[in-house]
Amino acid sequence: MSPQFEALPAPSGPSGPSAPHAPSALEEAAAVELAQRLTDVITRLRRALRSSIRTDYPWESLPMAQVELLQTLAAAPLRVGELAARQRLAPNTVSGLIGKLLEAGFVDRQPDPGDRRTARIALTDAGRQQLRDWQRAHEHRLADALESLSPADRDAAMLALPALDRLARALTAPDDRTP
């Protein structure tokens, strides 16, 4: 493991559920430093994915915000307000993104059976195909990048996935921090 990403030593002394531990200023500073490094790596990884996919697959031009809406709609049609809440975006921002997806033919408006005054946004066949193509291109790009790593680094990346998944869930549902 590179020194930049070495784990911090575990605090000494009693631990476990019966021993409450208030973090010291040093531990808090170390936690903030780790959070900053994680933020930096995630930001660089997202940027690298976005730029490499457009280099390797020039047809891919959807902005990430639109891709994320397509991914959310893949499960089921939703109202704009529901999409905004799930994406943690303002409803007017989501409306603008939906407008672009409507123009591209990737989504359409469907009547909401529960409320005739509103519409649900649903993926079209073209939207499903676009999402499949996007996912396939990203999977190939990531698979190639993983193959370029040493076996130890590849294993470390794969072993980190469950913890990263729990971290993502903790960030999306801050009131539900169950491991």
Protein backbone atom coordinates (compact mmCIF):
# COMPACT_ATOMS: atom_id res chain seq x y z
CA MET A 1 0.00 0.00 0.00
CA SER A 2 1.42 3.38 -0.88
CA PRO A 3 2.31 5.65 2.06
CA GLN A 4 -0.27 8.15 0.82
CA PHE A 5 -3.05 5.68 1.60
CA GLU A 6 -1.73 3.81 4.62
CA ALA A 7 -4.29 3.15 7.29
CA LEU A 8 -4.04 5.09 10.50
CA PRO A 9 -2.99 3.13 13.56
CA ALA A 10 -5.89 1.99 15.69
CA PRO A 11 -6.32 3.93 18.91
CA SER A 12 -4.89 2.12 21.90
CA GLY A 13 -6.82 1.29 25.02
CA PRO A 14 -10.15 -0.40 25.59
CA SER A 15 -12.52 -0.51 22.69
CA GLY A 16 -15.83 -1.98 21.81
CA PRO A 17 -19.40 -1.06 22.62
CA SER A 18 -18.83 -0.83 26.39
CA ALA A 19 -15.97 1.69 26.12
CA PRO A 20 -17.17 5.07 24.82
CA HIS A 21 -14.38 6.97 23.16
CA ALA A 22 -14.40 10.67 22.43
CA PRO A 23 -12.06 11.37 19.53
CA SER A 24 -9.09 13.53 20.34
CA ALA A 25 -8.22 16.59 18.27
CA LEU A 26 -5.44 14.54 16.65
CA GLU A 27 -7.86 11.74 15.73
CA GLU A 28 -10.35 14.27 14.35
CA ALA A 29 -7.62 15.92 12.27
CA ALA A 30 -6.56 12.50 10.94
CA ALA A 31 -10.19 11.66 10.09
CA VAL A 32 -10.57 14.97 8.23
CA GLU A 33 -7.33 14.28 6.32
CA LEU A 34 -8.58 10.83 5.32
CA ALA A 35 -11.89 12.33 4.21
CA GLN A 36 -10.03 14.91 2.12
CA ARG A 37 -7.93 12.20 0.47
CA LEU A 38 -11.00 10.07 -0.21
CA THR A 39 -12.79 13.08 -1.72
CA ASP A 40 -9.78 13.80 -3.91
CA VAL A 41 -9.56 10.21 -5.17
CA ILE A 42 -13.30 9.95 -5.84
CA THR A 43 -13.28 13.28 -7.70
CA ARG A 44 -10.30 12.25 -9.83
CA LEU A 45 -11.83 8.84 -10.51
CA ARG A 46 -15.16 10.36 -11.65
CA ARG A 47 -13.34 12.91 -13.82
CA ALA A 48 -11.13 10.20 -15.33
CA LEU A 49 -14.15 8.03 -16.09
CA ARG A 50 -16.02 10.89 -17.75
CA SER A 51 -13.09 12.00 -19.88
CA SER A 52 -11.86 8.52 -20.80
CA ILE A 53 -15.30 7.35 -21.87
CA ARG A 54 -15.63 10.30 -24.22
CA THR A 55 -12.15 9.67 -25.61
CA ASP A 56 -12.63 5.95 -26.11
CA TYR A 57 -16.31 6.20 -27.09
CA PRO A 58 -16.83 9.58 -28.80
CA TRP A 59 -20.52 8.86 -29.40
CA GLU A 60 -21.10 9.10 -25.65
CA SER A 61 -22.06 12.69 -25.00
CA LEU A 62 -24.71 12.57 -22.29
CA PRO A 63 -23.86 14.70 -19.27
CA MET A 64 -23.51 12.69 -16.07
CA ALA A 65 -26.59 14.33 -14.53
CA GLN A 66 -28.71 13.00 -17.41
CA VAL A 67 -27.17 9.54 -17.15
CA GLU A 68 -27.97 9.50 -13.43
CA LEU A 69 -31.60 10.38 -14.19
CA LEU A 70 -31.77 7.54 -16.74
CA GLN A 71 -30.31 5.16 -14.15
CA THR A 72 -32.91 6.24 -11.59
CA LEU A 73 -35.76 5.89 -14.11
CA ALA A 74 -34.58 2.40 -15.11
CA ALA A 75 -36.29 1.03 -11.99
CA ALA A 76 -39.67 2.70 -12.52
CA PRO A 77 -41.32 5.86 -13.87
CA LEU A 78 -41.31 8.76 -11.41
CA ARG A 79 -42.70 12.28 -11.07
CA VAL A 80 -40.27 15.18 -11.48
CA GLY A 81 -40.53 15.94 -7.75
CA GLU A 82 -39.66 12.34 -6.87
CA LEU A 83 -36.70 12.42 -9.24
CA ALA A 84 -35.51 15.69 -7.73
CA ALA A 85 -35.72 14.26 -4.21
CA ARG A 86 -33.84 11.08 -5.16
CA GLN A 87 -31.13 13.00 -7.02
CA ARG A 88 -31.02 15.73 -4.37
CA LEU A 89 -31.51 18.40 -7.01
CA ALA A 90 -33.90 21.31 -7.33
CA PRO A 91 -37.10 20.41 -9.22
CA ASN A 92 -36.44 23.12 -11.82
CA THR A 93 -32.98 21.63 -12.48
CA VAL A 94 -34.52 18.19 -12.98
CA SER A 95 -37.19 19.70 -15.24
CA GLY A 96 -34.47 21.19 -17.45
CA LEU A 97 -32.60 17.88 -17.61
CA ILE A 98 -35.84 16.03 -18.39
CA GLY A 99 -36.52 18.52 -21.18
CA LYS A 100 -33.22 17.60 -22.84
CA LEU A 101 -33.94 13.87 -22.40
CA LEU A 102 -37.42 14.36 -23.91
CA GLU A 103 -35.87 16.13 -26.94
CA ALA A 104 -33.40 13.26 -27.36
CA GLY A 105 -36.24 10.73 -27.20
CA PHE A 106 -34.78 8.94 -24.15
CA VAL A 107 -37.79 9.59 -21.88
CA ASP A 108 -41.46 10.36 -22.29
CA ARG A 109 -44.27 11.65 -20.10
CA GLN A 110 -46.95 9.22 -18.97
CA PRO A 111 -50.16 10.01 -17.15
CA ASP A 112 -49.90 9.37 -13.42
CA PRO A 113 -52.65 6.89 -12.51
CA GLY A 114 -52.78 8.29 -8.97
CA ASP A 115 -53.05 11.98 -9.96
CA ARG A 116 -54.28 13.05 -13.40
CA ARG A 117 -52.82 16.54 -12.89
CA THR A 118 -49.24 15.22 -12.91
CA ALA A 119 -47.16 13.07 -15.20
CA ARG A 120 -44.58 10.44 -14.59
CA ILE A 121 -41.34 10.36 -16.54
CA ALA A 122 -40.44 6.99 -18.02
CA LEU A 123 -37.60 5.61 -20.11
CA THR A 124 -38.32 4.95 -23.75
CA ASP A 125 -36.81 2.03 -25.62
CA ALA A 126 -34.20 4.45 -26.96
CA GLY A 127 -33.44 5.57 -23.40
CA ARG A 128 -33.02 1.99 -22.22
CA GLN A 129 -30.68 1.28 -25.13
CA GLN A 130 -28.67 4.45 -24.44
CA LEU A 131 -28.34 3.45 -20.80
CA ARG A 132 -27.28 -0.11 -21.72
CA ASP A 133 -24.68 1.27 -24.17
CA TRP A 134 -23.39 3.73 -21.56
CA GLN A 135 -23.13 1.00 -18.91
CA ARG A 136 -21.41 -1.42 -21.30
CA ALA A 137 -18.87 1.23 -22.36
CA HIS A 138 -18.11 2.10 -18.73
CA GLU A 139 -17.80 -1.55 -17.74
CA HIS A 140 -15.32 -2.18 -20.57
CA ARG A 141 -13.33 0.94 -19.72
CA LEU A 142 -13.17 0.01 -16.03
CA ALA A 143 -12.33 -3.62 -16.81
CA ASP A 144 -9.42 -2.46 -18.99
CA ALA A 145 -8.20 -0.10 -16.26
CA LEU A 146 -8.49 -2.81 -13.59
CA GLU A 147 -6.47 -5.19 -15.80
CA SER A 148 -3.68 -2.60 -15.91
CA LEU A 149 -3.32 -2.74 -12.11
CA SER A 150 -1.16 -5.18 -10.25
CA PRO A 151 -3.06 -8.19 -8.88
CA ALA A 152 -2.60 -6.83 -5.34
CA ASP A 153 -4.04 -3.41 -6.28
CA ARG A 154 -6.91 -5.02 -8.20
CA ASP A 155 -7.70 -7.22 -5.17
CA ALA A 156 -7.51 -4.21 -2.84
CA ALA A 157 -9.91 -2.26 -5.05
CA MET A 158 -12.38 -5.16 -5.11
CA LEU A 159 -12.10 -5.74 -1.36
CA ALA A 160 -12.91 -2.06 -0.75
CA LEU A 161 -16.22 -2.26 -2.66
CA PRO A 162 -18.46 -3.41 0.23
CA ALA A 163 -17.15 -0.64 2.49
CA LEU A 164 -17.51 1.95 -0.29
CA ASP A 165 -21.06 0.75 -0.90
CA ARG A 166 -21.87 1.18 2.80
CA LEU A 167 -20.26 4.63 2.69
CA ALA A 168 -22.44 5.60 -0.28
CA ARG A 169 -25.54 4.37 1.55
CA ALA A 170 -24.53 6.28 4.68
CA LEU A 171 -24.18 9.45 2.64
CA THR A 172 -27.55 8.99 0.93
CA ALA A 173 -29.43 8.10 4.09
CA PRO A 174 -27.63 9.92 6.92
CA ASP A 175 -30.32 9.00 9.45
CA ASP A 176 -29.88 5.27 8.79
CA ARG A 177 -26.23 4.52 9.56
CA THR A 178 -26.53 0.79 10.12
CA PRO A 179 -23.49 -1.20 8.92
